[in-house]
């Protein structure tokens, strides 16, 4: 075992405690009552980085939550790596579904349970362990390294684009590295070369001025809840295809070569469906489950509310109904182009007797990078040194808003090397990270810096 790997092995318990300390901070970016906790987590992370002998560490303000920036540039002639991650987390609700408190990290059956365990604190701290190992053993890093760890990823990174553009030269690098993605299995590493984008909206339907007696007025006025259901039903056809005019205009077709890549990918549909808890797969006709979840766009209702939903009966005709809707986008769809089309079509679907408002239209473009770039080849070599199987080249269905910003501002190759698993309960109660993923992530990050130094 080489000295770096030995250091990582010998200090496993310490690295786990470092992660636990960060997980205890409820850095929920979307809730104003946790604003000081978010700031406290940024300061905690900065203190940890100072302890790793970074030559510069700052907690830098934005209009929203701060960015933690650090750098070590003592490797002249070697590539500069920009490591991106986030320290903010999703709300833990519903709390009653957690087996243990979400901000009291708990080790159980080789897994660490806590909000943020895998998304993204665990993956960030895997890199911090790798940095420590190199600095303690070699007194230097194999590459020049810059870190930008943000506090708004879980709310769309709204202010990060401006931060990146304002600090363009500070963030100059040769490659971007992100560990905020996943692996197809516990022994199957992966490099993600494409992510879906996002368009998010809220549909609000208003009818009568107040809730009405359903016996007196039922059948005489348009029920906003009924109207909303009709609108939502009209957004997709019976084959699962989205009906918004022009929605598929820019979608790249799945070529025979890409379809063959999907067939060869290490994807277990049966296991995937078991993890979902759904009785059967469903989606756009003519595409496989893996294609539908990674390379095809979607439109889904994320929540609905209207009328009386308490115990027992209350025969009201509601005055208001609303739904939150998300659309996952694929290359080369543009959320700014699709937003007005979506809004216009929702209004067209609305029946007479109600007014419709489409609010909160925001999103991020999809992301794709060259899977054959030499920097990604270095990442494949690094993963081959740690894991029993060669790295799979995969697409993921989720979104990381900053990736397209980086493409626009820097035009750099990007390595998305993540260690999450399908059953890690990301954004759900009982989020976890497997220790095999955490420790394997540490070794992978350490090897990645070494392999990138050779490019």
Protein backbone atom coordinates (compact mmCIF):
# COMPACT_ATOMS: atom_id res chain seq x y z
CA UNK A 1 0.00 0.00 0.00
CA UNK A 2 1.45 3.37 -1.01
CA UNK A 3 1.94 6.08 1.66
CA UNK A 4 -1.09 8.14 0.62
CA UNK A 5 -3.41 5.12 0.74
CA UNK A 6 -1.88 4.11 4.08
CA UNK A 7 -2.51 7.56 5.55
CA UNK A 8 -6.13 7.45 4.41
CA UNK A 9 -6.54 3.97 5.91
CA UNK A 10 -4.91 4.87 9.21
CA UNK A 11 -7.01 8.03 9.68
CA UNK A 12 -10.43 6.68 8.70
CA UNK A 13 -11.93 7.31 12.13
CA UNK A 14 -10.72 10.91 12.15
CA UNK A 15 -12.15 11.57 8.68
CA UNK A 16 -15.48 10.14 9.73
CA UNK A 17 -15.56 12.42 12.78
CA UNK A 18 -14.68 15.42 10.58
CA UNK A 19 -17.69 14.63 8.42
CA UNK A 20 -19.97 14.14 11.41
CA UNK A 21 -19.04 17.57 12.76
CA UNK A 22 -20.16 19.19 9.50
CA UNK A 23 -23.35 17.12 9.35
CA UNK A 24 -24.42 18.37 12.79
CA UNK A 25 -24.82 21.88 11.38
CA UNK A 26 -28.35 22.29 9.92
CA UNK A 27 -27.31 24.32 6.88
CA UNK A 28 -30.76 24.34 5.25
CA UNK A 29 -30.42 27.05 2.62
CA UNK A 30 -34.10 27.39 1.73
CA UNK A 31 -35.37 28.23 5.24
CA UNK A 32 -34.72 31.74 6.62
CA UNK A 33 -34.58 30.46 10.20
CA UNK A 34 -31.41 28.53 9.27
CA UNK A 35 -29.59 31.46 7.70
CA UNK A 36 -27.13 31.71 10.58
CA UNK A 37 -26.61 27.93 10.50
CA UNK A 38 -25.69 28.18 6.82
CA UNK A 39 -23.17 30.89 7.66
CA UNK A 40 -21.85 28.83 10.57
CA UNK A 41 -21.33 25.85 8.26
CA UNK A 42 -19.38 28.01 5.81
CA UNK A 43 -17.11 29.23 8.62
CA UNK A 44 -16.70 25.66 9.88
CA UNK A 45 -15.64 24.48 6.44
CA UNK A 46 -13.23 27.40 6.04
CA UNK A 47 -11.60 26.60 9.39
CA UNK A 48 -11.11 23.00 8.27
CA UNK A 49 -9.48 24.16 5.03
CA UNK A 50 -7.12 26.46 6.93
CA UNK A 51 -6.05 23.42 8.91
CA UNK A 52 -5.06 21.75 5.63
CA UNK A 53 -2.51 24.50 4.94
CA UNK A 54 -4.30 26.04 2.00
CA UNK A 55 -2.49 29.20 0.96
CA UNK A 56 -5.73 31.17 0.75
CA UNK A 57 -9.09 30.59 2.44
CA UNK A 58 -12.01 33.02 2.41
CA UNK A 59 -15.71 33.03 3.20
CA UNK A 60 -16.90 35.27 0.38
CA UNK A 61 -20.29 36.99 0.46
CA UNK A 62 -22.96 36.83 -2.23
CA UNK A 63 -26.41 38.39 -2.33
CA UNK A 64 -27.55 35.13 -0.73
CA UNK A 65 -25.48 32.58 1.20
CA UNK A 66 -21.67 32.78 1.17
CA UNK A 67 -19.18 30.87 -0.96
CA UNK A 68 -16.19 29.20 0.66
CA UNK A 69 -13.12 29.68 -1.52
CA UNK A 70 -9.68 28.16 -0.96
CA UNK A 71 -6.59 27.53 -3.05
CA UNK A 72 -3.15 25.95 -3.05
CA UNK A 73 -1.02 26.89 -6.06
CA UNK A 74 2.38 25.44 -5.22
CA UNK A 75 2.74 23.09 -8.20
CA UNK A 76 4.23 25.16 -11.04
CA UNK A 77 3.83 23.55 -14.44
CA UNK A 78 1.05 21.25 -13.28
CA UNK A 79 -2.65 21.56 -14.16
CA UNK A 80 -4.95 23.66 -12.03
CA UNK A 81 -8.03 21.85 -10.74
CA UNK A 82 -11.16 23.70 -9.67
CA UNK A 83 -13.12 21.59 -7.18
CA UNK A 84 -16.79 22.49 -6.83
CA UNK A 85 -19.21 21.28 -4.15
CA UNK A 86 -21.91 22.57 -1.85
CA UNK A 87 -22.35 22.66 1.92
CA UNK A 88 -26.06 23.51 2.03
CA UNK A 89 -28.69 20.81 2.47
CA UNK A 90 -32.36 20.14 1.81
CA UNK A 91 -34.95 20.54 4.60
CA UNK A 92 -35.24 17.30 6.63
CA UNK A 93 -39.05 17.14 6.54
CA UNK A 94 -41.02 15.02 7.19
CA UNK A 95 -39.22 14.55 10.49
CA UNK A 96 -41.43 11.69 11.70
CA UNK A 97 -40.06 9.43 8.94
CA UNK A 98 -36.46 9.64 10.16
CA UNK A 99 -35.30 6.66 12.20
CA UNK A 100 -32.76 8.91 13.93
CA UNK A 101 -32.61 12.75 14.12
CA UNK A 102 -31.45 14.19 10.77
CA UNK A 103 -28.72 16.38 12.25
CA UNK A 104 -27.38 13.80 14.67
CA UNK A 105 -25.24 11.63 12.35
CA UNK A 106 -25.74 7.98 13.21
CA UNK A 107 -23.66 5.01 12.08
CA UNK A 108 -25.74 1.92 11.38
CA UNK A 109 -24.86 -1.22 9.38
CA UNK A 110 -21.86 0.37 7.69
CA UNK A 111 -23.80 3.49 6.68
CA UNK A 112 -23.82 7.02 8.07
CA UNK A 113 -27.32 8.54 8.30
CA UNK A 114 -27.85 12.31 8.34
CA UNK A 115 -29.18 15.08 6.15
CA UNK A 116 -26.35 15.99 3.78
CA UNK A 117 -24.49 12.73 4.32
CA UNK A 118 -24.18 12.11 0.58
CA UNK A 119 -25.59 15.34 -0.85
CA UNK A 120 -23.06 16.84 -0.67
CA UNK A 121 -21.09 17.09 2.56
CA UNK A 122 -19.92 13.48 2.51
CA UNK A 123 -18.56 13.82 -1.00
CA UNK A 124 -16.88 17.16 -0.24
CA UNK A 125 -15.23 15.74 2.86
CA UNK A 126 -13.94 12.75 0.87
CA UNK A 127 -11.92 15.29 -1.15
CA UNK A 128 -10.79 17.10 1.99
CA UNK A 129 -9.46 13.79 3.32
CA UNK A 130 -7.54 13.23 0.07
CA UNK A 131 -6.09 16.75 0.29
CA UNK A 132 -5.00 16.16 3.87
CA UNK A 133 -3.32 12.87 2.97
CA UNK A 134 -1.22 14.50 0.24
CA UNK A 135 -0.33 17.49 2.39
CA UNK A 136 0.67 15.38 5.39
CA UNK A 137 2.61 12.75 3.46
CA UNK A 138 4.19 14.79 0.65
CA UNK A 139 3.88 18.34 2.09
CA UNK A 140 2.33 19.33 -1.23
CA UNK A 141 -0.39 18.48 -3.72
CA UNK A 142 0.28 16.87 -7.11
CA UNK A 143 -1.69 19.68 -8.83
CA UNK A 144 -2.66 23.27 -8.22
CA UNK A 145 -6.03 23.24 -6.52
CA UNK A 146 -8.85 25.75 -6.13
CA UNK A 147 -12.00 24.98 -4.16
CA UNK A 148 -15.35 26.71 -4.50
CA UNK A 149 -17.91 25.29 -2.06
CA UNK A 150 -21.26 27.09 -2.26
CA UNK A 151 -24.27 27.42 0.02
CA UNK A 152 -27.17 27.68 -2.43
CA UNK A 153 -27.11 24.57 -4.62
CA UNK A 154 -30.30 23.22 -3.06
CA UNK A 155 -32.17 26.40 -3.99
CA UNK A 156 -30.91 26.62 -7.56
CA UNK A 157 -27.54 28.40 -7.11
CA UNK A 158 -29.35 31.67 -7.87
CA UNK A 159 -26.45 33.96 -6.99
CA UNK A 160 -23.55 31.73 -7.99
CA UNK A 161 -23.57 32.71 -11.66
CA UNK A 162 -22.94 36.34 -10.78
CA UNK A 163 -20.22 35.27 -8.32
CA UNK A 164 -18.45 33.19 -10.97
CA UNK A 165 -18.62 35.97 -13.56
CA UNK A 166 -17.37 38.57 -11.06
CA UNK A 167 -14.46 36.34 -10.04
CA UNK A 168 -13.74 34.86 -13.46
CA UNK A 169 -9.94 35.12 -13.28
CA UNK A 170 -9.77 33.91 -9.67
CA UNK A 171 -11.50 30.71 -10.79
CA UNK A 172 -9.33 30.09 -13.86
CA UNK A 173 -8.35 26.43 -14.10
CA UNK A 174 -7.67 23.61 -16.53
CA UNK A 175 -10.41 21.25 -15.39
CA UNK A 176 -13.44 21.31 -13.12
CA UNK A 177 -14.03 18.43 -10.69
CA UNK A 178 -17.39 17.78 -9.04
CA UNK A 179 -18.39 15.01 -6.66
CA UNK A 180 -22.14 15.44 -6.36
CA UNK A 181 -23.30 12.53 -8.50
CA UNK A 182 -23.57 8.77 -8.10
CA UNK A 183 -22.49 5.24 -8.91
CA UNK A 184 -24.66 2.52 -10.47
CA UNK A 185 -23.67 0.09 -7.71
CA UNK A 186 -21.51 -0.18 -4.58
CA UNK A 187 -18.57 -1.64 -6.54
CA UNK A 188 -19.23 0.12 -9.86
CA UNK A 189 -17.58 3.54 -10.21
CA UNK A 190 -18.87 6.00 -12.75
CA UNK A 191 -18.13 9.26 -14.49
CA UNK A 192 -21.17 11.35 -15.36
CA UNK A 193 -20.85 13.22 -18.64
CA UNK A 194 -24.38 14.63 -18.94
CA UNK A 195 -27.02 16.08 -16.61
CA UNK A 196 -30.56 17.17 -17.28
CA UNK A 197 -31.59 20.78 -16.88
CA UNK A 198 -34.65 22.08 -15.07
CA UNK A 199 -37.66 24.33 -15.56
CA UNK A 200 -39.83 24.86 -12.48
CA UNK A 201 -43.22 26.57 -12.29
CA UNK A 202 -46.25 27.02 -10.07
CA UNK A 203 -49.72 27.00 -11.62
CA UNK A 204 -52.35 28.97 -9.67
CA UNK A 205 -56.03 28.76 -10.61
CA UNK A 206 -58.60 31.12 -9.08
CA UNK A 207 -62.37 30.91 -9.56
CA UNK A 208 -65.01 32.40 -7.22
CA UNK A 209 -64.04 35.10 -4.75
CA UNK A 210 -64.39 32.69 -1.81
CA UNK A 211 -65.09 29.04 -1.05
CA UNK A 212 -68.71 28.22 -1.92
CA UNK A 213 -71.34 25.74 -0.73
CA UNK A 214 -71.08 22.86 -3.20
CA UNK A 215 -74.82 22.25 -3.04
CA UNK A 216 -75.77 25.84 -3.79
CA UNK A 217 -73.14 26.53 -6.45
CA UNK A 218 -71.93 23.13 -7.68
CA UNK A 219 -72.64 22.86 -11.40
CA UNK A 220 -73.07 26.61 -11.75
CA UNK A 221 -69.48 27.85 -11.59
CA UNK A 222 -66.12 26.44 -12.67
CA UNK A 223 -64.39 24.57 -9.85
CA UNK A 224 -60.71 25.66 -9.77
CA UNK A 225 -59.62 22.23 -8.51
CA UNK A 226 -61.38 20.53 -11.41
CA UNK A 227 -59.92 23.10 -13.79
CA UNK A 228 -56.39 22.51 -12.47
CA UNK A 229 -56.77 18.74 -12.88
CA UNK A 230 -57.84 19.28 -16.47
CA UNK A 231 -54.87 21.53 -17.16
CA UNK A 232 -52.43 19.02 -15.71
CA UNK A 233 -54.02 16.12 -17.56
CA UNK A 234 -53.64 18.08 -20.79
CA UNK A 235 -49.90 18.57 -20.38
CA UNK A 236 -49.15 14.96 -21.40
CA UNK A 237 -50.81 12.52 -23.75
CA UNK A 238 -51.59 8.85 -23.21
CA UNK A 239 -48.14 7.79 -24.40
CA UNK A 240 -46.40 9.92 -21.78
CA UNK A 241 -45.36 12.53 -24.33
CA UNK A 242 -45.40 16.19 -23.26
CA UNK A 243 -47.90 18.21 -25.30
CA UNK A 244 -46.48 21.73 -24.83
CA UNK A 245 -46.04 23.02 -28.42
CA UNK A 246 -42.39 23.05 -29.46
CA UNK A 247 -41.26 21.24 -26.33
CA UNK A 248 -39.23 18.64 -28.26
CA UNK A 249 -37.98 21.04 -30.92
CA UNK A 250 -34.36 21.04 -29.70
CA UNK A 251 -34.18 17.57 -28.11
CA UNK A 252 -31.30 15.54 -29.50
CA UNK A 253 -32.47 12.20 -30.89
CA UNK A 254 -31.12 9.02 -29.35
CA UNK A 255 -28.78 7.68 -32.03
CA UNK A 256 -28.24 3.95 -32.56
CA UNK A 257 -24.76 4.35 -31.05
CA UNK A 258 -26.10 6.05 -27.94
CA UNK A 259 -28.88 3.48 -27.61
CA UNK A 260 -26.25 0.76 -27.66
CA UNK A 261 -24.37 2.58 -24.88
CA UNK A 262 -27.55 2.58 -22.82
CA UNK A 263 -28.03 -1.15 -23.43
CA UNK A 264 -24.46 -1.85 -22.29
CA UNK A 265 -24.68 0.38 -19.20
CA UNK A 266 -24.59 -1.32 -15.76
CA UNK A 267 -28.25 -0.57 -15.03
CA UNK A 268 -30.45 -3.03 -13.16
CA UNK A 269 -34.01 -2.01 -13.96
CA UNK A 270 -35.55 -4.51 -11.54
CA UNK A 271 -33.42 -3.19 -8.66
CA UNK A 272 -34.16 0.38 -9.71
CA UNK A 273 -37.89 -0.28 -9.58
CA UNK A 274 -37.63 -2.05 -6.22
CA UNK A 275 -35.87 0.99 -4.83
CA UNK A 276 -38.62 3.26 -6.18
CA UNK A 277 -41.37 1.22 -4.52
CA UNK A 278 -43.52 1.65 -7.65
CA UNK A 279 -45.34 -1.46 -8.91
CA UNK A 280 -44.24 -1.06 -12.55
CA UNK A 281 -42.18 1.24 -14.78
CA UNK A 282 -43.99 3.93 -16.76
CA UNK A 283 -42.94 6.70 -19.09
CA UNK A 284 -42.68 8.01 -22.60
CA UNK A 285 -43.52 5.28 -25.09
CA UNK A 286 -40.67 3.97 -27.22
CA UNK A 287 -37.86 4.50 -24.72
CA UNK A 288 -36.24 2.36 -22.04
CA UNK A 289 -36.34 3.28 -18.36
CA UNK A 290 -32.70 4.36 -18.43
CA UNK A 291 -33.25 6.47 -21.54
CA UNK A 292 -36.32 8.09 -20.02
CA UNK A 293 -34.53 8.99 -16.78
CA UNK A 294 -31.38 10.42 -18.36
CA UNK A 295 -31.72 11.39 -22.03
CA UNK A 296 -35.41 12.33 -22.38
CA UNK A 297 -37.23 15.34 -20.93
CA UNK A 298 -39.99 15.00 -18.34
CA UNK A 299 -42.89 16.96 -16.88
CA UNK A 300 -44.08 16.07 -13.38
CA UNK A 301 -46.36 17.49 -10.72
CA UNK A 302 -44.43 17.93 -7.47
CA UNK A 303 -47.34 19.01 -5.31
CA UNK A 304 -51.00 20.10 -5.41
CA UNK A 305 -53.32 21.83 -2.96
CA UNK A 306 -56.91 23.06 -2.92
CA UNK A 307 -60.07 23.12 -0.84
CA UNK A 308 -60.64 21.17 2.34
CA UNK A 309 -58.28 18.29 3.12
CA UNK A 310 -58.93 17.87 6.85
CA UNK A 311 -60.61 14.95 8.58
CA UNK A 312 -64.24 14.27 7.76
CA UNK A 313 -66.47 16.07 5.25
CA UNK A 314 -66.74 19.70 4.31
CA UNK A 315 -68.74 20.21 1.14
CA UNK A 316 -67.04 23.27 -0.28
CA UNK A 317 -66.32 24.33 -3.79
CA UNK A 318 -62.81 25.80 -3.43
CA UNK A 319 -61.97 29.25 -4.73
CA UNK A 320 -58.32 28.40 -5.39
CA UNK A 321 -56.13 25.51 -6.54
CA UNK A 322 -52.42 25.30 -7.24
CA UNK A 323 -49.73 22.88 -8.35
CA UNK A 324 -45.96 22.89 -8.53
CA UNK A 325 -44.58 21.46 -11.76
CA UNK A 326 -41.02 20.56 -12.72
CA UNK A 327 -39.65 19.78 -16.17
CA UNK A 328 -36.32 18.02 -16.59
CA UNK A 329 -34.61 19.17 -19.78
CA UNK A 330 -32.01 17.53 -22.02
CA UNK A 331 -29.45 18.93 -24.49
CA UNK A 332 -30.14 21.31 -26.26
CA UNK A 333 -33.33 22.51 -24.58
CA UNK A 334 -33.36 26.06 -23.23
CA UNK A 335 -35.48 26.81 -20.12
CA UNK A 336 -35.74 30.50 -21.06
CA UNK A 337 -37.17 29.54 -24.42
CA UNK A 338 -39.57 26.94 -23.03
CA UNK A 339 -40.93 29.02 -20.12
CA UNK A 340 -43.20 31.30 -22.20
CA UNK A 341 -44.36 28.34 -24.29
CA UNK A 342 -45.33 26.46 -21.15
CA UNK A 343 -47.16 29.46 -19.71
CA UNK A 344 -49.06 30.13 -22.94
CA UNK A 345 -50.13 26.49 -23.22
CA UNK A 346 -51.32 26.34 -19.60
CA UNK A 347 -53.48 29.39 -20.24
CA UNK A 348 -54.84 27.80 -23.42
CA UNK A 349 -55.80 24.64 -21.48
CA UNK A 350 -57.66 26.60 -18.80
CA UNK A 351 -61.48 26.51 -19.09
CA UNK A 352 -63.72 29.54 -18.94
CA UNK A 353 -64.68 30.76 -15.48
CA UNK A 354 -61.22 30.81 -13.88
CA UNK A 355 -58.12 32.98 -14.01
CA UNK A 356 -54.69 31.37 -14.26
CA UNK A 357 -51.31 32.57 -13.06
CA UNK A 358 -48.06 30.78 -13.90
CA UNK A 359 -45.45 31.87 -11.38
CA UNK A 360 -41.89 31.07 -10.41
CA UNK A 361 -40.70 30.09 -13.88
CA UNK A 362 -37.01 29.46 -13.28
CA UNK A 363 -34.56 26.84 -14.33
CA UNK A 364 -31.13 25.82 -15.48
CA UNK A 365 -29.94 24.47 -18.83
CA UNK A 366 -28.84 20.86 -19.31
CA UNK A 367 -25.16 19.93 -19.27
CA UNK A 368 -23.03 17.65 -21.42
CA UNK A 369 -19.25 17.30 -21.73
CA UNK A 370 -16.90 15.31 -23.98
CA UNK A 371 -16.60 11.80 -22.48
CA UNK A 372 -13.37 11.18 -24.41
CA UNK A 373 -11.42 14.21 -23.18
CA UNK A 374 -7.93 13.43 -21.78
CA UNK A 375 -8.96 14.83 -18.38
CA UNK A 376 -11.76 12.26 -18.18
CA UNK A 377 -9.32 9.57 -19.26
CA UNK A 378 -7.17 10.54 -16.25
CA UNK A 379 -10.25 10.13 -14.07
CA UNK A 380 -10.86 6.67 -15.52
CA UNK A 381 -7.28 5.71 -14.62
CA UNK A 382 -7.74 7.02 -11.08
CA UNK A 383 -10.93 5.03 -10.52
CA UNK A 384 -9.31 1.89 -11.95
CA UNK A 385 -6.70 2.11 -9.17
CA UNK A 386 -9.39 1.93 -6.48
CA UNK A 387 -12.40 -0.04 -7.69
CA UNK A 388 -12.72 -3.62 -9.03
CA UNK A 389 -14.64 -2.57 -12.17
CA UNK A 390 -13.79 -0.02 -14.86
CA UNK A 391 -15.66 3.27 -14.66
CA UNK A 392 -18.99 3.41 -16.45
CA UNK A 393 -19.69 6.52 -18.53
CA UNK A 394 -23.20 7.55 -17.57
CA UNK A 395 -25.80 10.29 -17.79
CA UNK A 396 -27.79 11.36 -14.74
CA UNK A 397 -31.32 12.64 -14.58
CA UNK A 398 -30.75 15.34 -11.97
CA UNK A 399 -29.40 18.87 -12.35
CA UNK A 400 -26.36 20.78 -11.09
CA UNK A 401 -27.08 24.36 -12.18
CA UNK A 402 -23.51 25.58 -11.94
CA UNK A 403 -22.22 23.16 -14.58
CA UNK A 404 -23.74 25.08 -17.47
CA UNK A 405 -22.54 28.35 -15.93
CA UNK A 406 -19.00 26.99 -15.94
CA UNK A 407 -19.39 25.96 -19.58
CA UNK A 408 -20.46 29.49 -20.48
CA UNK A 409 -17.78 31.31 -18.46
CA UNK A 410 -14.80 28.96 -18.67
CA UNK A 411 -15.43 26.36 -21.37
CA UNK A 412 -13.48 23.74 -19.45
CA UNK A 413 -13.70 19.95 -19.41
CA UNK A 414 -15.60 18.72 -16.38
CA UNK A 415 -15.13 15.57 -14.33
CA UNK A 416 -18.26 14.52 -12.46
CA UNK A 417 -16.97 11.74 -10.23
CA UNK A 418 -19.57 10.92 -7.60
CA UNK A 419 -20.04 8.17 -5.04
CA UNK A 420 -23.74 8.23 -4.14
CA UNK A 421 -25.93 5.14 -4.49
CA UNK A 422 -29.53 4.80 -5.65
CA UNK A 423 -30.67 3.86 -2.14
CA UNK A 424 -28.99 6.80 -0.38
CA UNK A 425 -32.36 8.57 0.03
CA UNK A 426 -31.14 11.85 -1.41
CA UNK A 427 -33.57 14.68 -0.44
CA UNK A 428 -35.64 12.14 1.52
CA UNK A 429 -35.80 11.02 5.16
CA UNK A 430 -32.96 8.72 6.27
CA UNK A 431 -30.41 10.08 3.84
CA UNK A 432 -27.15 8.17 4.16
CA UNK A 433 -23.71 7.55 2.74
CA UNK A 434 -22.21 4.08 2.74
CA UNK A 435 -18.78 3.94 4.32
CA UNK A 436 -17.56 1.99 1.28
CA UNK A 437 -18.53 5.02 -0.84
CA UNK A 438 -16.98 7.51 1.58
CA UNK A 439 -13.68 5.69 1.96
CA UNK A 440 -13.59 4.73 -1.70
CA UNK A 441 -14.27 8.37 -2.56
CA UNK A 442 -11.30 9.48 -0.47
CA UNK A 443 -8.94 7.09 -2.27
CA UNK A 444 -10.41 8.00 -5.66
CA UNK A 445 -9.94 11.72 -5.07
CA UNK A 446 -6.34 11.18 -3.95
CA UNK A 447 -5.60 9.13 -7.08
CA UNK A 448 -7.42 11.64 -9.29
CA UNK A 449 -5.09 14.47 -8.29
CA UNK A 450 -2.11 12.24 -9.07
CA UNK A 451 -3.46 11.21 -12.48
CA UNK A 452 -4.42 14.76 -13.45
CA UNK A 453 -0.85 15.82 -12.73
CA UNK A 454 0.22 13.62 -15.66
CA UNK A 455 -2.06 15.28 -18.24
